[in-house]
Amino acid sequence: MPLVSIIMPSLNVRQYIEKCLQSVVDQTLQNIEIICIDAGSTDGTREIINKYVLKDNRVKVIDSEIKSYGYQVNLGMYYASGKYIAIVETDDWIELNMFSILYELAEREKLDYIVADFDFVYELRNGNLARQRYKQFSNNDDIYGNVIGEKIINKLRASDYLLWKGIYNKKFIIDNNIRLHESPKAAFQDMGFLQQVKTYAKRAMYIDESFYRYRVGRKEASSCNTDGLIFYKKEFEWINNETNILKVMDKEYQKYYYQTMSISFVTKYAQVVKALDWNYEDSRLTVPYEWFKEQLYEKIKHNFIKSDIYDDDTWNQLTTLIESGKKYTLHLKAMYDIRLSKISELKKYRVIIFGCGKIGTDILKMCDINNINVEMFVDNDVLLQKSGYCGYKVISVAQLSKIINYSQYAIIIAMKKDKEKVVDQMLQYDIRIRLYDSCFFYDYE
């Protein structure tokens, strides 16, 4: 019996499928089963898969007549014979030790599921890859590396919403009849799957490592779709009506389910209304808006869900949006216009980013999308000064002080903490370059 069955749904990913498949075939855990589910690719994807089928007997291919990510994954789970199930999306890739580490921990601790962190990967215009670690529990490191039970698992509903970062015990999946919503295309079916997982799991683990490389920026991505809020409405309707989780879930845990629903509502509404050029009266917003409002308004009114399970910004956004879609949209647009004016201003200068962390990568991506010329990074890390970052030179503050003609440059301080220390450090070297706070450039896509 294979130790892990890896399900790989595909549809027209010729540009990426070989890198993805090779990263799975080369896993250090060799006793695996690789199940490719192809939904009628016409771009050469299927021919590449067939090559792997011929040279590696662990690779199987199954045809899916239905172009639905959920259907494809469910089909893969039906045919899977491994003790654990994993899903790898075929425009991504994974590190070679991913399944050996996850499997060993899952077996040792007798887990229903185990999940790691992942890296976002964005291809820059210069051809280099910008990688950014997504750390799920940056404010709560105590979760990492410990076996957690149902009380904590239920509280993590809103923070763990992507199914491909880990492995799931197949018996656990079958015993609880966990499946994906078979809605058309690829429309947020992770949500329903993971809400079921969180409802039934008794033992789980999150580890402070990153194995999965998640490619962002593809135009085909479901996150870019103007029907996104409609898709979310259908997903949550399916969860409510076609799964049993609300019936079997303890009432004290239900508030975390509605927290997940409300955060999804706020996030997707903001993405879609911007894509619709701020037309909050478009039916692609108004119809799902009314449904979400109906689901959430009474629960807020009667204090079933309260501000104590949200950060302040999310709670303010949620209550504003439920009060008025128009009011919320006008607020978003005002914030976006401020950012847009700052972005336009940046185009006049040669940009230097101070900080090579997560925010620095965010800012680099923002500049790349908006055709802003990034010259280099500044960072106090000596190793980064030697190695560079994302194909860019990294210099010290002392080296920055030797740049002539400061009027041509602008610095974005890409960090949440220690901004004042950075300013003081530059003043010590009499550096008088114009400074921008990175917070002006968030939500730029």
Protein backbone atom coordinates (compact mmCIF):
# COMPACT_ATOMS: atom_id res chain seq x y z
CA MET A 1 0.00 0.00 0.00
CA PRO A 2 1.35 3.49 -0.84
CA LEU A 3 2.05 5.67 2.17
CA VAL A 4 0.72 8.83 0.51
CA SER A 5 -1.56 9.28 -2.51
CA ILE A 6 -0.87 12.63 -4.22
CA ILE A 7 -3.83 13.92 -6.24
CA MET A 8 -2.91 16.34 -9.03
CA PRO A 9 -5.86 17.97 -10.85
CA SER A 10 -4.87 19.51 -14.19
CA LEU A 11 -6.37 21.57 -16.99
CA ASN A 12 -4.16 23.32 -19.56
CA VAL A 13 -1.05 23.91 -17.42
CA ARG A 14 1.56 22.92 -20.00
CA GLN A 15 3.87 25.76 -18.96
CA TYR A 16 4.10 24.46 -15.38
CA ILE A 17 3.17 20.75 -15.27
CA GLU A 18 6.65 19.32 -15.85
CA LYS A 19 8.30 21.24 -12.99
CA CYS A 20 5.39 20.29 -10.75
CA LEU A 21 5.35 16.58 -11.64
CA GLN A 22 9.12 16.29 -11.35
CA SER A 23 9.04 17.73 -7.84
CA VAL A 24 6.51 15.04 -6.86
CA VAL A 25 8.25 12.15 -8.60
CA ASP A 26 11.56 13.07 -6.92
CA GLN A 27 10.16 13.03 -3.37
CA THR A 28 12.47 11.44 -0.81
CA LEU A 29 9.45 9.43 0.32
CA GLN A 30 9.40 6.97 -2.57
CA ASN A 31 6.45 4.77 -1.60
CA ILE A 32 3.85 7.14 -3.00
CA GLU A 33 1.05 7.04 -5.53
CA ILE A 34 0.67 9.93 -7.99
CA ILE A 35 -2.85 10.33 -9.40
CA CYS A 36 -3.18 12.90 -12.20
CA ILE A 37 -6.78 13.89 -12.95
CA ASP A 38 -6.91 15.69 -16.29
CA ALA A 39 -10.09 17.55 -17.29
CA GLY A 40 -9.55 17.52 -21.05
CA SER A 41 -6.40 19.60 -21.50
CA THR A 42 -5.80 20.72 -25.10
CA ASP A 43 -2.44 22.53 -24.77
CA GLY A 44 -0.09 19.54 -24.45
CA THR A 45 -0.51 19.03 -20.69
CA ARG A 46 -1.88 15.51 -21.15
CA GLU A 47 1.03 14.51 -23.40
CA ILE A 48 3.52 15.55 -20.69
CA ILE A 49 1.61 13.54 -18.09
CA ASN A 50 1.61 10.52 -20.42
CA LYS A 51 5.41 10.69 -20.59
CA TYR A 52 5.61 10.32 -16.82
CA VAL A 53 3.08 7.47 -16.84
CA LEU A 54 5.33 5.53 -19.24
CA LYS A 55 8.54 5.99 -17.26
CA ASP A 56 7.24 5.77 -13.65
CA ASN A 57 4.72 3.14 -12.60
CA ARG A 58 3.70 5.22 -9.57
CA VAL A 59 2.10 7.78 -11.89
CA LYS A 60 -1.49 7.19 -13.03
CA VAL A 61 -3.75 9.36 -15.13
CA ILE A 62 -7.55 9.51 -14.97
CA ASP A 63 -9.79 11.45 -17.33
CA SER A 64 -12.37 13.79 -15.87
CA GLU A 65 -15.28 14.65 -18.14
CA ILE A 66 -16.27 17.46 -15.79
CA LYS A 67 -14.20 20.65 -15.57
CA SER A 68 -14.53 21.06 -11.83
CA TYR A 69 -11.62 21.17 -9.40
CA GLY A 70 -13.84 19.73 -6.67
CA TYR A 71 -14.99 16.87 -8.87
CA GLN A 72 -11.40 16.12 -9.91
CA VAL A 73 -10.14 15.97 -6.32
CA ASN A 74 -13.10 13.84 -5.21
CA LEU A 75 -12.40 11.48 -8.10
CA GLY A 76 -8.77 11.26 -7.02
CA MET A 77 -9.77 10.50 -3.43
CA TYR A 78 -12.07 7.73 -4.67
CA TYR A 79 -9.20 6.02 -6.50
CA ALA A 80 -6.53 6.75 -3.87
CA SER A 81 -5.11 3.69 -2.11
CA GLY A 82 -2.58 5.43 0.16
CA LYS A 83 -2.82 5.77 3.94
CA TYR A 84 -2.70 9.56 3.57
CA ILE A 85 -4.03 11.90 0.89
CA ALA A 86 -2.35 15.04 -0.44
CA ILE A 87 -3.31 17.51 -3.17
CA VAL A 88 -0.76 19.32 -5.32
CA GLU A 89 -1.99 21.94 -7.78
CA THR A 90 -0.24 21.51 -11.10
CA ASP A 91 0.95 25.09 -11.62
CA ASP A 92 2.88 24.92 -8.32
CA TRP A 93 5.75 22.75 -7.06
CA ILE A 94 6.97 21.28 -3.77
CA GLU A 95 10.24 20.71 -1.95
CA LEU A 96 11.60 17.17 -2.21
CA ASN A 97 11.33 16.30 1.50
CA MET A 98 7.74 17.49 1.96
CA PHE A 99 5.98 14.16 2.23
CA SER A 100 8.70 12.29 4.10
CA ILE A 101 8.59 14.85 6.93
CA LEU A 102 4.80 15.15 7.02
CA TYR A 103 4.25 11.39 6.86
CA GLU A 104 6.73 10.62 9.65
CA LEU A 105 5.11 13.13 12.00
CA ALA A 106 1.57 12.08 11.09
CA GLU A 107 2.39 8.43 11.84
CA ARG A 108 4.30 9.12 15.02
CA GLU A 109 1.58 11.33 16.50
CA LYS A 110 -1.43 9.46 15.00
CA LEU A 111 -2.81 12.63 13.39
CA ASP A 112 -5.97 13.21 11.40
CA TYR A 113 -4.04 15.81 9.44
CA ILE A 114 -0.77 17.73 9.46
CA VAL A 115 -0.05 21.05 7.75
CA ALA A 116 3.07 23.13 7.06
CA ASP A 117 3.53 26.72 5.92
CA PHE A 118 4.14 27.63 2.27
CA ASP A 119 5.84 30.23 0.07
CA PHE A 120 4.12 32.55 -2.37
CA VAL A 121 6.13 32.69 -5.62
CA TYR A 122 5.78 35.63 -8.00
CA GLU A 123 7.65 35.85 -11.30
CA LEU A 124 9.09 39.34 -11.75
CA ARG A 125 9.40 41.13 -15.08
CA ASN A 126 13.16 40.57 -14.94
CA GLY A 127 12.58 36.80 -14.89
CA ASN A 128 13.59 36.33 -11.25
CA LEU A 129 11.27 34.74 -8.73
CA ALA A 130 10.21 36.64 -5.64
CA ARG A 131 9.48 34.16 -2.85
CA GLN A 132 7.63 35.10 0.29
CA ARG A 133 7.10 32.80 3.26
CA TYR A 134 3.51 32.66 4.48
CA LYS A 135 3.74 32.07 8.20
CA GLN A 136 0.29 31.12 9.45
CA PHE A 137 0.88 31.80 13.12
CA SER A 138 3.40 34.63 13.23
CA ASN A 139 1.66 35.99 16.35
CA ASN A 140 1.17 32.60 18.01
CA ASP A 141 4.23 30.42 17.59
CA ASP A 142 3.05 28.13 20.40
CA ILE A 143 0.77 26.31 17.95
CA TYR A 144 3.69 25.08 15.86
CA GLY A 145 5.07 21.62 16.57
CA ASN A 146 2.44 20.57 19.10
CA VAL A 147 -0.43 18.11 18.77
CA ILE A 148 -3.63 20.14 19.05
CA GLY A 149 -7.14 18.95 19.85
CA GLU A 150 -10.59 19.89 18.65
CA LYS A 151 -10.92 23.07 20.74
CA ILE A 152 -7.91 24.74 19.10
CA ILE A 153 -8.59 23.15 15.69
CA ASN A 154 -12.02 24.80 15.61
CA LYS A 155 -10.55 28.20 16.45
CA LEU A 156 -8.25 27.94 13.42
CA ARG A 157 -11.06 27.79 10.86
CA ALA A 158 -10.38 31.28 9.49
CA SER A 159 -6.59 31.08 9.52
CA ASP A 160 -6.15 27.78 7.64
CA TYR A 161 -8.05 27.92 4.36
CA LEU A 162 -5.82 26.20 1.75
CA LEU A 163 -5.95 22.43 1.45
CA TRP A 164 -2.68 21.67 -0.37
CA LYS A 165 -0.19 22.47 2.41
CA GLY A 166 -0.46 19.14 4.19
CA ILE A 167 -1.63 15.53 4.25
CA TYR A 168 -4.88 14.03 5.52
CA ASN A 169 -5.49 10.57 6.93
CA LYS A 170 -7.63 8.75 4.36
CA LYS A 171 -9.56 6.73 6.94
CA PHE A 172 -10.43 9.98 8.73
CA ILE A 173 -11.64 11.44 5.41
CA ILE A 174 -13.76 8.40 4.51
CA ASP A 175 -15.21 7.83 7.99
CA ASN A 176 -16.50 11.41 8.07
CA ASN A 177 -17.63 11.50 4.42
CA ILE A 178 -15.46 14.58 3.77
CA ARG A 179 -15.51 15.75 0.17
CA LEU A 180 -15.23 18.85 -1.99
CA HIS A 181 -18.09 20.79 -3.52
CA GLU A 182 -18.24 19.84 -7.19
CA SER A 183 -19.03 23.33 -8.43
CA PRO A 184 -17.85 24.34 -11.92
CA LYS A 185 -14.19 25.22 -12.54
CA ALA A 186 -11.97 26.02 -9.52
CA ALA A 187 -14.03 28.18 -7.22
CA PHE A 188 -12.86 28.14 -3.59
CA GLN A 189 -13.71 24.50 -2.89
CA ASP A 190 -10.85 24.44 -0.35
CA MET A 191 -13.24 26.23 1.98
CA GLY A 192 -15.86 23.51 2.22
CA PHE A 193 -13.30 20.72 2.48
CA LEU A 194 -11.41 22.37 5.32
CA GLN A 195 -14.53 23.38 7.24
CA GLN A 196 -15.45 19.69 7.33
CA VAL A 197 -11.90 18.73 8.35
CA LYS A 198 -11.97 21.25 11.23
CA THR A 199 -15.35 19.95 12.39
CA TYR A 200 -14.34 16.30 12.70
CA ALA A 201 -10.59 16.30 13.44
CA LYS A 202 -9.46 15.31 16.94
CA ARG A 203 -5.66 15.38 16.52
CA ALA A 204 -3.71 17.71 14.23
CA MET A 205 -0.37 19.47 13.94
CA TYR A 206 1.02 22.58 12.26
CA ILE A 207 4.77 22.76 11.72
CA ASP A 208 7.03 25.77 11.34
CA GLU A 209 8.47 24.73 7.99
CA SER A 210 7.61 25.58 4.39
CA PHE A 211 7.53 23.01 1.57
CA TYR A 212 4.87 24.18 -0.89
CA ARG A 213 5.63 26.79 -3.57
CA TYR A 214 2.40 28.52 -4.55
CA ARG A 215 2.54 30.44 -7.80
CA VAL A 216 0.66 33.77 -7.80
CA GLY A 217 -0.10 36.24 -10.55
CA ARG A 218 -1.70 33.93 -13.16
CA LYS A 219 -4.57 35.70 -14.93
CA GLU A 220 -6.58 32.47 -14.85
CA ALA A 221 -6.58 32.38 -11.05
CA SER A 222 -10.02 32.21 -9.43
CA SER A 223 -9.08 35.10 -7.10
CA CYS A 224 -9.18 37.44 -10.13
CA ASN A 225 -12.72 36.44 -11.17
CA THR A 226 -15.46 39.09 -10.95
CA ASP A 227 -17.89 36.30 -10.06
CA GLY A 228 -15.80 35.57 -6.96
CA LEU A 229 -18.41 36.63 -4.39
CA ILE A 230 -21.04 34.55 -6.18
CA PHE A 231 -18.70 31.56 -5.98
CA TYR A 232 -18.19 32.15 -2.25
CA LYS A 233 -21.96 32.40 -1.71
CA LYS A 234 -22.45 29.05 -3.48
CA GLU A 235 -19.65 27.46 -1.47
CA PHE A 236 -21.07 28.54 1.88
CA GLU A 237 -24.61 27.61 0.81
CA TRP A 238 -23.28 24.15 -0.03
CA ILE A 239 -21.55 23.89 3.34
CA ASN A 240 -24.73 24.97 5.14
CA ASN A 241 -27.15 22.77 3.21
CA GLU A 242 -25.22 19.77 1.87
CA THR A 243 -22.84 18.94 4.71
CA ASN A 244 -23.73 18.11 8.29
CA ILE A 245 -21.20 20.30 10.02
CA LEU A 246 -23.62 22.87 11.49
CA LYS A 247 -25.71 20.01 12.90
CA VAL A 248 -22.82 18.20 14.57
CA MET A 249 -20.69 21.22 15.54
CA ASP A 250 -20.78 22.34 19.17
CA LYS A 251 -22.48 25.70 19.45
CA GLU A 252 -19.39 27.27 21.04
CA TYR A 253 -17.47 26.47 17.84
CA GLN A 254 -20.07 27.82 15.43
CA LYS A 255 -18.93 31.38 15.99
CA TYR A 256 -15.58 30.46 14.41
CA TYR A 257 -17.39 29.12 11.36
CA TYR A 258 -19.26 32.42 10.98
CA GLN A 259 -16.00 34.28 11.58
CA THR A 260 -14.59 32.40 8.58
CA MET A 261 -17.65 33.24 6.52
CA SER A 262 -17.50 36.94 7.42
CA ILE A 263 -13.77 37.31 6.70
CA SER A 264 -14.31 35.59 3.33
CA PHE A 265 -17.19 38.00 2.63
CA VAL A 266 -15.16 41.13 3.42
CA THR A 267 -12.05 39.98 1.52
CA LYS A 268 -13.84 38.84 -1.62
CA TYR A 269 -16.21 41.82 -1.73
CA ALA A 270 -13.21 44.17 -1.72
CA GLN A 271 -11.49 42.26 -4.55
CA VAL A 272 -14.60 42.08 -6.72
CA VAL A 273 -15.83 45.66 -6.28
CA LYS A 274 -12.41 46.96 -7.30
CA ALA A 275 -12.39 44.66 -10.35
CA LEU A 276 -15.85 46.03 -11.23
CA ASP A 277 -14.48 49.59 -11.14
CA TRP A 278 -16.27 50.30 -7.82
CA ASN A 279 -19.76 49.55 -9.20
CA TYR A 280 -21.37 48.35 -5.97
CA GLU A 281 -24.75 48.09 -7.74
CA ASP A 282 -23.57 45.32 -10.09
CA SER A 283 -25.63 42.15 -9.54
CA ARG A 284 -22.42 40.14 -9.16
CA LEU A 285 -22.13 41.97 -5.85
CA THR A 286 -25.66 42.85 -4.81
CA VAL A 287 -27.10 39.31 -4.99
CA PRO A 288 -24.40 37.56 -2.90
CA TYR A 289 -24.16 40.66 -0.67
CA GLU A 290 -27.78 40.29 0.42
CA TRP A 291 -27.25 36.60 1.16
CA PHE A 292 -24.17 37.17 3.30
CA LYS A 293 -25.85 40.07 5.09
CA GLU A 294 -28.81 37.85 5.93
CA GLN A 295 -26.49 35.16 7.28
CA LEU A 296 -24.44 37.51 9.45
CA TYR A 297 -26.57 40.49 10.52
CA GLU A 298 -28.63 38.73 13.18
CA LYS A 299 -25.60 36.94 14.59
CA ILE A 300 -23.84 40.26 15.09
CA LYS A 301 -27.00 41.95 16.41
CA HIS A 302 -27.52 39.26 19.05
CA ASN A 303 -23.81 39.08 19.98
CA PHE A 304 -23.39 35.54 18.71
CA ILE A 305 -20.32 36.80 16.89
CA LYS A 306 -18.51 39.71 18.53
CA SER A 307 -15.43 41.83 18.02
CA ASP A 308 -13.36 39.68 20.40
CA ILE A 309 -12.61 37.08 17.69
CA TYR A 310 -11.50 39.67 15.08
CA ASP A 311 -8.71 42.18 14.79
CA ASP A 312 -9.96 45.78 14.96
CA ASP A 313 -9.55 46.50 11.26
CA THR A 314 -11.46 43.40 10.12
CA TRP A 315 -14.29 44.04 12.59
CA ASN A 316 -14.62 47.65 11.43
CA GLN A 317 -14.67 46.56 7.80
CA LEU A 318 -17.27 43.87 8.47
CA THR A 319 -19.67 46.11 10.37
CA THR A 320 -19.29 48.90 7.81
CA LEU A 321 -19.95 46.52 4.92
CA ILE A 322 -23.03 45.00 6.56
CA GLU A 323 -24.35 48.48 7.30
CA SER A 324 -23.95 49.62 3.67
CA GLY A 325 -22.22 48.23 0.60
CA LYS A 326 -22.10 51.75 -0.81
CA LYS A 327 -20.45 53.22 2.30
CA TYR A 328 -17.88 50.45 2.40
CA THR A 329 -17.11 50.80 -1.31
CA LEU A 330 -16.60 54.57 -1.06
CA HIS A 331 -14.22 54.00 1.87
CA LEU A 332 -12.25 51.43 -0.12
CA LYS A 333 -12.07 53.67 -3.17
CA ALA A 334 -10.82 56.62 -1.10
CA MET A 335 -8.05 54.45 0.35
CA TYR A 336 -7.22 53.07 -3.08
CA ASP A 337 -7.02 56.56 -4.60
CA ILE A 338 -4.51 57.58 -1.93
CA ARG A 339 -2.40 54.54 -2.76
CA LEU A 340 -2.72 55.19 -6.48
CA SER A 341 -1.48 58.77 -6.08
CA LYS A 342 1.51 57.50 -4.08
CA ILE A 343 2.23 54.87 -6.74
CA SER A 344 2.07 57.52 -9.48
CA GLU A 345 4.44 59.69 -7.47
CA LEU A 346 6.92 56.82 -7.11
CA LYS A 347 7.18 56.46 -10.89
CA LYS A 348 9.17 59.71 -10.94
CA TYR A 349 11.99 58.23 -8.87
CA ARG A 350 14.50 55.41 -8.67
CA VAL A 351 13.13 53.32 -5.83
CA ILE A 352 15.12 51.68 -3.03
CA ILE A 353 13.36 49.26 -0.67
CA PHE A 354 14.60 49.18 2.92
CA GLY A 355 13.91 45.67 4.28
CA CYS A 356 14.06 42.23 2.66
CA GLY A 357 11.31 40.59 4.68
CA LYS A 358 7.69 39.79 3.87
CA ILE A 359 6.72 43.44 3.49
CA GLY A 360 9.75 44.11 1.31
CA THR A 361 8.64 41.32 -1.01
CA ASP A 362 5.09 42.74 -1.05
CA ILE A 363 6.46 46.14 -2.04
CA LEU A 364 8.71 44.65 -4.73
CA LYS A 365 5.68 42.89 -6.23
CA MET A 366 3.68 46.14 -6.09
CA CYS A 367 6.44 47.98 -7.92
CA ASP A 368 6.77 45.21 -10.50
CA ILE A 369 3.02 45.20 -11.24
CA ASN A 370 2.99 48.98 -11.61
CA ASN A 371 6.18 49.30 -13.70
CA ILE A 372 8.06 51.16 -10.98
CA ASN A 373 11.84 51.05 -11.28
CA VAL A 374 13.38 49.31 -8.23
CA GLU A 375 17.12 49.92 -8.06
CA MET A 376 18.16 47.89 -5.02
CA PHE A 377 17.40 46.89 -1.43
CA VAL A 378 18.90 48.12 1.82
CA ASP A 379 19.13 45.75 4.77
CA ASN A 380 21.27 45.42 7.88
CA ASP A 381 21.68 41.67 7.35
CA VAL A 382 25.29 41.09 6.26
CA LEU A 383 24.45 37.74 4.61
CA LEU A 384 21.83 39.40 2.40
CA GLN A 385 24.34 42.09 1.47
CA LYS A 386 26.57 39.31 0.13
CA SER A 387 23.91 37.19 -1.57
CA GLY A 388 21.42 39.75 -2.89
CA TYR A 389 17.65 39.40 -2.83
CA CYS A 390 15.29 38.37 -5.65
CA GLY A 391 18.02 39.19 -8.15
CA TYR A 392 18.60 42.67 -6.68
CA LYS A 393 21.69 44.07 -5.01
CA VAL A 394 21.42 44.57 -1.22
CA ILE A 395 23.50 47.33 0.33
CA SER A 396 24.19 48.61 3.84
CA VAL A 397 23.16 52.00 5.19
CA ALA A 398 26.82 53.06 5.01
CA GLN A 399 26.88 52.22 1.30
CA LEU A 400 23.58 54.04 0.83
CA SER A 401 25.19 57.18 2.24
CA LYS A 402 27.61 57.22 -0.69
CA ILE A 403 24.89 57.54 -3.32
CA ILE A 404 25.05 60.91 -5.02
CA ASN A 405 22.15 63.00 -6.26
CA TYR A 406 19.61 61.94 -3.66
CA SER A 407 16.89 63.89 -5.47
CA GLN A 408 16.58 61.06 -8.00
CA TYR A 409 15.79 58.44 -5.33
CA ALA A 410 12.96 57.44 -3.01
CA ILE A 411 13.10 54.90 -0.19
CA ILE A 412 10.17 52.75 0.92
CA ILE A 413 10.60 51.57 4.51
CA ALA A 414 9.23 48.02 4.28
CA MET A 415 8.64 46.98 7.87
CA LYS A 416 6.04 47.27 10.61
CA LYS A 417 8.40 47.64 13.55
CA ASP A 418 11.55 49.69 14.05
CA LYS A 419 10.71 52.31 11.41
CA GLU A 420 11.91 55.07 13.72
CA LYS A 421 15.23 53.26 14.20
CA VAL A 422 15.66 53.12 10.41
CA VAL A 423 15.04 56.86 10.12
CA ASP A 424 17.50 57.56 12.94
CA GLN A 425 20.07 55.29 11.30
CA MET A 426 19.82 57.21 8.03
CA LEU A 427 20.00 60.57 9.78
CA GLN A 428 23.24 59.45 11.46
CA TYR A 429 24.71 59.12 7.96
CA ASP A 430 23.07 62.41 6.86
CA ILE A 431 20.98 60.57 4.25
CA ARG A 432 18.26 62.94 3.00
CA ILE A 433 16.36 60.74 0.53
CA ARG A 434 12.55 61.10 0.50
CA LEU A 435 10.90 58.36 2.55
CA TYR A 436 7.64 56.47 2.08
CA ASP A 437 5.91 54.23 4.59
CA SER A 438 5.05 50.81 3.11
CA CYS A 439 1.55 50.97 4.64
CA PHE A 440 0.52 53.36 1.84
CA PHE A 441 0.90 50.59 -0.73
CA TYR A 442 -1.12 47.70 0.70
CA ASP A 443 -4.12 46.31 -1.19
CA TYR A 444 -2.61 47.52 -4.43
CA GLU A 445 -3.76 44.70 -6.74
